[in-house]
Protein backbone atom coordinates (compact mmCIF):
# COMPACT_ATOMS: atom_id res chain seq x y z
CA UNK A 1 139.75 231.56 101.12
CA UNK A 2 141.95 229.41 99.90
CA UNK A 3 140.90 225.35 101.54
CA UNK A 4 143.14 224.11 98.34
CA UNK A 5 145.55 221.76 99.81
CA UNK A 6 148.63 222.79 98.50
CA UNK A 7 151.24 220.30 96.15
CA UNK A 8 152.82 218.42 97.41
CA UNK A 9 156.59 218.76 95.80
CA UNK A 10 157.33 215.24 96.18
CA UNK A 11 154.50 213.87 93.48
CA UNK A 12 154.77 215.93 89.43
CA UNK A 13 152.78 218.74 88.08
CA UNK A 14 149.75 217.06 86.74
CA UNK A 15 149.45 213.48 89.20
CA UNK A 16 146.79 213.58 91.04
CA UNK A 17 144.83 214.77 87.02
CA UNK A 18 146.05 211.80 85.77
CA UNK A 19 145.07 210.02 88.81
CA UNK A 20 141.28 210.87 89.12
CA UNK A 21 141.64 210.48 85.67
CA UNK A 22 142.18 207.04 85.86
CA UNK A 23 139.90 205.88 88.42
CA UNK A 24 136.92 207.70 86.22
CA UNK A 25 137.97 204.74 83.89
CA UNK A 26 138.21 202.50 86.34
CA UNK A 27 133.99 202.95 87.44
CA UNK A 28 132.77 202.78 83.47
CA UNK A 29 134.82 198.99 83.25
CA UNK A 30 133.35 198.27 86.71
CA UNK A 31 130.27 195.57 86.31
CA UNK A 32 126.92 196.52 88.04
CA UNK A 33 126.82 194.56 90.46
CA UNK A 34 122.66 194.82 90.56
CA UNK A 35 122.80 193.62 87.54
CA UNK A 36 124.87 190.98 87.97
CA UNK A 37 123.08 190.05 91.34
CA UNK A 38 120.32 189.33 89.30
CA UNK A 39 121.37 187.66 87.13
CA UNK A 40 119.76 183.60 86.86
CA UNK A 41 122.01 181.26 86.33
CA UNK A 42 120.12 177.93 83.58
CA UNK A 43 119.42 175.68 87.05
CA UNK A 44 117.26 178.26 87.67
CA UNK A 45 116.45 179.97 84.30
CA UNK A 46 115.46 175.82 83.39
CA UNK A 47 113.08 175.70 86.66
CA UNK A 48 111.53 179.29 85.76
CA UNK A 49 110.34 177.63 82.04
CA UNK A 50 108.82 174.45 83.98
CA UNK A 51 106.87 177.51 85.89
CA UNK A 52 105.97 179.23 83.69
CA UNK A 53 104.42 176.49 81.06
CA UNK A 54 102.88 174.35 84.21
CA UNK A 55 101.35 177.84 85.48
CA UNK A 56 97.91 177.91 85.02
CA UNK A 57 97.76 181.66 84.41
CA UNK A 58 100.93 181.61 82.58
CA UNK A 59 98.87 180.34 78.89
CA UNK A 60 96.12 181.10 77.65
CA UNK A 61 94.15 177.26 76.11
CA UNK A 62 90.95 178.25 74.70
CA UNK A 63 87.49 175.78 76.10
CA UNK A 64 87.85 173.81 73.13
CA UNK A 65 91.19 172.98 73.81
CA UNK A 66 90.70 172.18 76.94
CA UNK A 67 87.58 169.85 76.09
CA UNK A 68 89.75 168.35 73.90
CA UNK A 69 92.79 167.56 75.94
CA UNK A 70 89.99 166.39 78.25
CA UNK A 71 89.03 163.49 76.02
CA UNK A 72 91.86 162.72 75.48
CA UNK A 73 92.84 162.04 78.65
CA UNK A 74 88.97 159.56 78.90
CA UNK A 75 89.64 157.96 76.02
CA UNK A 76 93.46 156.60 77.09
CA UNK A 77 91.86 155.54 80.97
CA UNK A 78 89.20 153.80 79.03
CA UNK A 79 90.81 152.29 76.56
CA UNK A 80 93.67 151.18 79.26
CA UNK A 81 90.55 149.60 81.42
CA UNK A 82 89.24 147.69 79.08
CA UNK A 83 93.01 146.89 77.78
CA UNK A 84 93.62 145.37 81.58
CA UNK A 85 90.66 144.25 82.36
CA UNK A 86 90.57 141.73 79.10
CA UNK A 87 94.14 140.41 79.89
CA UNK A 88 92.55 139.40 83.43
CA UNK A 89 89.59 138.36 82.78
CA UNK A 90 90.17 136.17 79.15
CA UNK A 91 93.98 135.32 80.19
CA UNK A 92 95.15 135.57 84.06
CA UNK A 93 92.66 134.92 85.76
CA UNK A 94 92.05 131.19 83.38
CA UNK A 95 96.13 130.97 83.92
CA UNK A 96 95.59 131.05 88.09
CA UNK A 97 93.04 128.88 87.99
CA UNK A 98 94.57 125.84 86.24
CA UNK A 99 97.64 126.30 88.23
CA UNK A 100 95.80 126.40 91.80
CA UNK A 101 94.27 123.39 90.37
CA UNK A 102 97.17 121.92 89.80
CA UNK A 103 98.73 122.71 92.83
CA UNK A 104 96.11 121.14 94.88
CA UNK A 105 96.27 118.23 92.98
CA UNK A 106 100.19 117.57 92.74
CA UNK A 107 100.30 118.80 97.44
CA UNK A 108 97.28 116.04 98.27
CA UNK A 109 99.16 113.90 95.69
CA UNK A 110 102.18 115.15 97.86
CA UNK A 111 100.41 114.73 100.76
CA UNK A 112 98.82 110.36 100.13
CA UNK A 113 102.45 108.97 99.07
CA UNK A 114 104.24 111.11 101.97
CA UNK A 115 101.97 109.92 105.03
CA UNK A 116 103.09 108.79 108.69
CA UNK A 117 106.32 108.48 108.54
CA UNK A 118 107.40 110.49 106.18
CA UNK A 119 105.07 112.95 106.56
CA UNK A 120 108.24 115.37 107.43
CA UNK A 121 111.01 114.31 106.16
CA UNK A 122 113.07 116.99 104.26
CA UNK A 123 112.20 115.28 100.58
CA UNK A 124 108.43 116.36 101.45
CA UNK A 125 108.85 119.61 102.79
CA UNK A 126 110.86 120.71 99.58
CA UNK A 127 108.54 118.94 96.93
CA UNK A 128 105.77 120.72 98.73
CA UNK A 129 107.38 124.31 98.77
CA UNK A 130 108.19 123.45 94.31
CA UNK A 131 105.13 122.96 93.88
CA UNK A 132 104.01 125.93 96.24
CA UNK A 133 106.94 128.19 94.03
CA UNK A 134 105.30 126.57 90.27
CA UNK A 135 104.95 130.19 87.82
CA UNK A 136 102.36 127.45 85.64
CA UNK A 137 100.64 124.32 84.95
CA UNK A 138 103.43 122.35 83.55
CA UNK A 139 105.88 123.53 85.70
CA UNK A 140 103.69 121.47 88.59
CA UNK A 141 103.28 118.54 86.52
CA UNK A 142 106.88 118.77 85.91
CA UNK A 143 107.69 117.71 89.83
CA UNK A 144 108.14 113.71 90.26
CA UNK A 145 106.83 112.85 94.14
CA UNK A 146 106.74 109.63 92.71
CA UNK A 147 109.80 109.17 92.43
CA UNK A 148 111.05 110.76 95.02
CA UNK A 149 108.07 109.27 97.25
CA UNK A 150 109.41 105.86 96.02
CA UNK A 151 112.82 105.91 97.04
CA UNK A 152 112.14 107.10 100.78
CA UNK A 153 109.79 104.83 101.15
CA UNK A 154 112.03 101.93 100.33
CA UNK A 155 115.09 103.19 102.48
CA UNK A 156 112.75 103.76 105.88
CA UNK A 157 110.94 99.89 105.18
CA UNK A 158 113.99 97.92 104.72
CA UNK A 159 115.85 99.65 108.26
CA UNK A 160 112.13 98.73 109.43
CA UNK A 161 112.16 95.09 109.10
CA UNK A 162 115.84 94.86 110.14
CA UNK A 163 113.73 96.40 113.08
CA UNK A 164 111.20 93.89 113.21
CA UNK A 165 111.94 91.03 113.70
CA UNK A 166 111.37 88.08 116.25
CA UNK A 167 113.30 85.17 116.84
CA UNK A 168 111.81 82.65 113.56
CA UNK A 169 113.05 86.19 111.31
CA UNK A 170 109.70 87.15 110.43
CA UNK A 171 107.96 90.50 110.02
CA UNK A 172 103.82 91.30 109.80
CA UNK A 173 103.26 93.72 107.51
CA UNK A 174 100.11 95.78 108.49
CA UNK A 175 97.87 97.29 106.09
CA UNK A 176 96.60 100.07 107.43
CA UNK A 177 93.84 101.32 104.70
CA UNK A 178 92.35 97.02 104.50
CA UNK A 179 92.88 96.38 107.96
CA UNK A 180 94.85 93.12 108.01
CA UNK A 181 97.99 91.89 108.87
CA UNK A 182 100.66 89.34 106.92
CA UNK A 183 102.64 87.16 108.91
CA UNK A 184 106.20 86.87 106.27
CA UNK A 185 109.90 85.93 106.73
CA UNK A 186 112.70 89.35 106.29
CA UNK A 187 113.60 87.52 102.20
CA UNK A 188 109.66 87.98 100.37
CA UNK A 189 109.18 91.27 102.89
CA UNK A 190 112.42 92.83 100.93
CA UNK A 191 110.75 91.50 98.21
CA UNK A 192 107.22 93.19 98.03
CA UNK A 193 109.64 96.39 98.43
CA UNK A 194 111.23 95.78 96.10
CA UNK A 195 109.24 94.87 93.46
CA UNK A 196 106.75 98.06 94.47
CA UNK A 197 106.69 101.30 94.30
CA UNK A 198 104.85 104.51 97.00
CA UNK A 199 101.51 103.99 95.80
CA UNK A 200 101.54 100.77 97.66
CA UNK A 201 104.32 100.91 99.71
CA UNK A 202 102.46 104.13 101.64
CA UNK A 203 99.70 101.71 102.70
CA UNK A 204 102.69 99.45 105.08
CA UNK A 205 103.55 99.29 107.53
CA UNK A 206 106.56 96.84 108.97
CA UNK A 207 105.84 95.63 112.92
CA UNK A 208 107.37 92.64 115.51
CA UNK A 209 104.87 89.68 115.40
CA UNK A 210 102.53 89.49 118.64
CA UNK A 211 100.70 86.17 117.93
CA UNK A 212 99.18 83.78 120.12
CA UNK A 213 98.47 80.23 119.16
CA UNK A 214 94.57 80.19 118.68
CA UNK A 215 92.56 76.64 119.04
CA UNK A 216 89.80 76.14 116.51
CA UNK A 217 87.14 73.35 116.21
CA UNK A 218 86.35 73.72 112.89
CA UNK A 219 84.33 71.19 109.89
CA UNK A 220 86.38 69.52 107.09
CA UNK A 221 85.22 72.22 104.83
CA UNK A 222 85.87 74.64 106.24
CA UNK A 223 90.26 72.79 107.03
CA UNK A 224 91.13 72.87 104.24
CA UNK A 225 89.52 69.61 103.17
CA UNK A 226 91.34 67.76 105.74
CA UNK A 227 94.42 67.75 103.49
CA UNK A 228 96.27 71.21 105.76
CA UNK A 229 99.36 69.53 108.02
CA UNK A 230 101.03 70.97 109.66
CA UNK A 231 103.33 73.46 109.09
CA UNK A 232 101.22 74.80 106.51
CA UNK A 233 100.81 78.37 105.99
CA UNK A 234 97.41 79.40 105.21
CA UNK A 235 94.92 82.07 104.67
CA UNK A 236 91.85 82.97 106.46
CA UNK A 237 88.86 84.25 104.55
CA UNK A 238 85.41 84.76 106.45
CA UNK A 239 82.17 83.30 103.67
CA UNK A 240 79.08 85.49 103.59
CA UNK A 241 77.28 83.83 106.75
CA UNK A 242 79.42 85.85 108.56
CA UNK A 243 78.23 88.35 111.26
CA UNK A 244 82.23 89.33 112.81
CA UNK A 245 81.68 93.48 112.46
CA UNK A 246 84.45 94.48 110.17
CA UNK A 247 84.05 91.46 108.38
CA UNK A 248 82.89 93.17 104.78
CA UNK A 249 83.03 91.54 101.80
CA UNK A 250 86.53 91.86 100.05
CA UNK A 251 88.07 89.10 98.16
CA UNK A 252 91.33 89.64 99.89
CA UNK A 253 91.79 87.61 103.05
CA UNK A 254 91.18 89.12 106.40
CA UNK A 255 94.84 87.18 108.07
CA UNK A 256 97.43 86.12 105.83
CA UNK A 257 100.51 83.83 106.71
CA UNK A 258 98.84 81.57 109.30
CA UNK A 259 100.81 78.77 110.69
CA UNK A 260 98.95 75.25 111.65
CA UNK A 261 101.06 74.14 115.36
CA UNK A 262 98.51 70.75 115.17
CA UNK A 263 95.62 69.02 114.23
CA UNK A 264 93.61 66.32 115.50
CA UNK A 265 90.48 64.39 114.58
CA UNK A 266 87.72 63.42 116.24
CA UNK A 267 88.30 60.39 117.53
CA UNK A 268 85.54 58.21 116.16
CA UNK A 269 87.86 58.54 113.14
CA UNK A 270 90.87 57.14 114.88
CA UNK A 271 88.56 53.46 114.80
CA UNK A 272 89.70 51.04 112.09
CA UNK A 273 87.54 48.04 111.70
CA UNK A 274 87.81 46.29 108.45
CA UNK A 275 87.18 42.74 107.12
CA UNK A 276 88.30 41.87 103.31
CA UNK A 277 86.84 38.59 102.33
CA UNK A 278 86.85 36.19 98.55
CA UNK A 279 85.02 33.19 98.47
CA UNK A 280 85.39 30.37 95.85
CA UNK A 281 83.44 27.71 94.70
CA UNK A 282 84.28 24.51 93.07
CA UNK A 283 81.45 22.57 91.75
CA UNK A 284 82.64 18.85 90.37
CA UNK A 285 79.36 16.98 89.26
CA UNK A 286 76.68 16.99 92.06
CA UNK A 287 79.66 18.19 95.08
CA UNK A 288 80.03 21.53 96.23
CA UNK A 289 82.62 22.85 97.40
CA UNK A 290 82.95 26.57 98.54
CA UNK A 291 86.32 28.08 99.92
CA UNK A 292 86.15 31.71 100.96
CA UNK A 293 89.37 33.56 102.95
CA UNK A 294 88.12 36.28 105.35
CA UNK A 295 90.31 38.58 106.84
CA UNK A 296 89.78 41.49 109.29
CA UNK A 297 91.57 44.53 110.49
CA UNK A 298 89.96 46.06 114.41
CA UNK A 299 91.93 48.43 115.63
CA UNK A 300 91.84 52.27 117.68
CA UNK A 301 94.33 54.62 117.38
CA UNK A 302 94.26 56.49 120.26
CA UNK A 303 93.88 53.64 121.49
CA UNK A 304 97.27 51.72 120.26
CA UNK A 305 98.80 54.99 121.25
CA UNK A 306 97.63 54.85 125.06
CA UNK A 307 99.34 50.81 124.76
CA UNK A 308 101.67 52.30 123.13
CA UNK A 309 103.11 54.61 126.22
CA UNK A 310 102.83 51.96 128.72
CA UNK A 311 104.69 49.94 126.96
CA UNK A 312 102.27 47.70 125.41
CA UNK A 313 103.58 48.70 121.81
CA UNK A 314 106.79 49.23 120.61
CA UNK A 315 107.08 52.66 120.85
CA UNK A 316 109.03 53.39 118.11
CA UNK A 317 106.93 51.30 116.16
CA UNK A 318 103.69 52.43 117.11
CA UNK A 319 104.95 55.70 115.92
CA UNK A 320 106.77 55.50 112.83
CA UNK A 321 103.24 53.58 112.02
CA UNK A 322 100.94 56.33 112.97
CA UNK A 323 103.31 58.68 111.95
CA UNK A 324 101.56 61.32 110.19
CA UNK A 325 98.20 58.72 110.58
CA UNK A 326 95.38 62.50 109.92
CA UNK A 327 97.22 63.16 106.67
CA UNK A 328 97.95 60.03 105.24
CA UNK A 329 94.54 59.16 106.03
CA UNK A 330 92.79 63.02 103.68
CA UNK A 331 95.52 61.94 101.60
CA UNK A 332 94.10 58.72 100.94
CA UNK A 333 90.49 59.89 101.32
CA UNK A 334 91.36 62.81 98.60
CA UNK A 335 93.21 60.05 96.15
CA UNK A 336 89.86 57.59 95.73
CA UNK A 337 88.07 60.04 95.80
CA UNK A 338 85.72 58.87 99.16
CA UNK A 339 85.46 60.06 102.39
CA UNK A 340 84.12 60.78 105.90
CA UNK A 341 82.63 64.65 105.27
CA UNK A 342 82.04 65.04 108.55
CA UNK A 343 84.79 65.21 110.11
CA UNK A 344 85.77 67.83 112.81
CA UNK A 345 88.95 69.35 113.30
CA UNK A 346 90.58 71.04 116.04
CA UNK A 347 93.11 72.68 115.07
CA UNK A 348 95.43 74.54 116.12
CA UNK A 349 96.43 78.33 114.37
CA UNK A 350 98.58 81.28 114.99
CA UNK A 351 97.66 84.42 114.35
CA UNK A 352 98.38 87.57 114.98
CA UNK A 353 97.04 88.73 118.62
CA UNK A 354 94.46 91.22 117.69
CA UNK A 355 93.19 89.35 115.37
CA UNK A 356 92.34 86.74 118.11
CA UNK A 357 88.27 88.72 118.85
CA UNK A 358 88.03 88.05 114.85
CA UNK A 359 88.77 84.00 114.24
CA UNK A 360 86.95 83.12 117.62
CA UNK A 361 84.07 84.89 116.75
CA UNK A 362 83.63 83.93 113.56
CA UNK A 363 84.66 80.51 114.35
CA UNK A 364 81.73 78.73 112.49
CA UNK A 365 82.49 81.34 109.35
CA UNK A 366 86.29 81.12 108.79
CA UNK A 367 87.62 78.37 105.90
CA UNK A 368 91.57 78.45 106.04
CA UNK A 369 93.18 78.10 102.71
CA UNK A 370 96.32 77.13 102.04
CA UNK A 371 98.31 80.02 98.74
CA UNK A 372 99.84 78.31 95.88
CA UNK A 373 103.47 80.04 96.53
CA UNK A 374 102.92 77.98 99.95
CA UNK A 375 101.72 74.78 98.60
CA UNK A 376 102.04 71.27 99.72
CA UNK A 377 103.89 68.83 97.72
CA UNK A 378 100.77 66.96 95.71
CA UNK A 379 99.43 69.47 95.23
CA UNK A 380 102.70 71.02 93.08
CA UNK A 381 102.19 67.22 91.45
CA UNK A 382 98.72 68.05 90.40
CA UNK A 383 98.73 71.86 88.61
CA UNK A 384 102.56 70.46 87.53
CA UNK A 385 100.94 68.32 85.75
CA UNK A 386 98.35 69.92 84.41
CA UNK A 387 99.61 72.53 83.22
CA UNK A 388 102.67 70.99 81.56
CA UNK A 389 100.83 69.23 79.55
């Protein structure tokens, strides 16, 4: 049976054969899908090569080659370990020790100078951070703590002096490490601040004077040889026989800047009993004519004052006559190099309140001295005459 489909009369003869031939040509030129799928991209090729290189089965290495490579690796590790250890112990560790020592020293200096009221100031934290952040000893040494601390202490103390003055424009300098107090004027306190750096200023604080007047009974030796007068500024020292528990053999005064408010001698020192005699003998032949001129004076200073009070004497004349009697007497004794060495003195001394017990407990051992900076006129004259020649 003929099943061939009849040719379409609309297509020319030979068209079907031509179409079949083109299809066969196209199929021959078309790329194989399987080959396209199996083709590797450049990235995959690179990964493939690396995998082959790293795979222990990809390359056949001999035992000698393996041993040689392991030896090289071990030797390299040993050399690196030696180099790192040498650097650490010879260079790094000593430099770190020096840096640590420099930091510790500098921090100790910081804490010494920035103590007390300045411990928490901004500059204290700033300098501490600089020290901790330093990377070498030279950098640590270059941090100038003293300059910062001096400026900060001066500013702090000047404010403290303005705030802590009494009605006499005085302030009290308290030396913390030496446990001594000095009552000085505000201007003298300013001089101390301007003339010193933080090594001194960090050991001082200024407070408002809290003083009391203390009566003491002392010998002439203890009372500045009896040459102190009312208004004298004296320093109090203690001789070696003191039994006060806080007393040391320090060469500095126990109390500075005490003011003498009053002085009294024993009553006997006011008793005056003097006699002056002048004689002359005239001889003429057998005649002798003695001639004697005697003057005497007897008085009691205290009785004269009592008499003036009850109008027995002119009070104004008596006071003018006896004014500074004790000081004048001591000065005359000094000038003629003769005096009552056994005289006793009752003095009223202004001292800081916290030093009252010290003064009372050591009354037999304290010595009042006159600072040359507060010297009386006679002492100034003597010093000038001595050193200007």
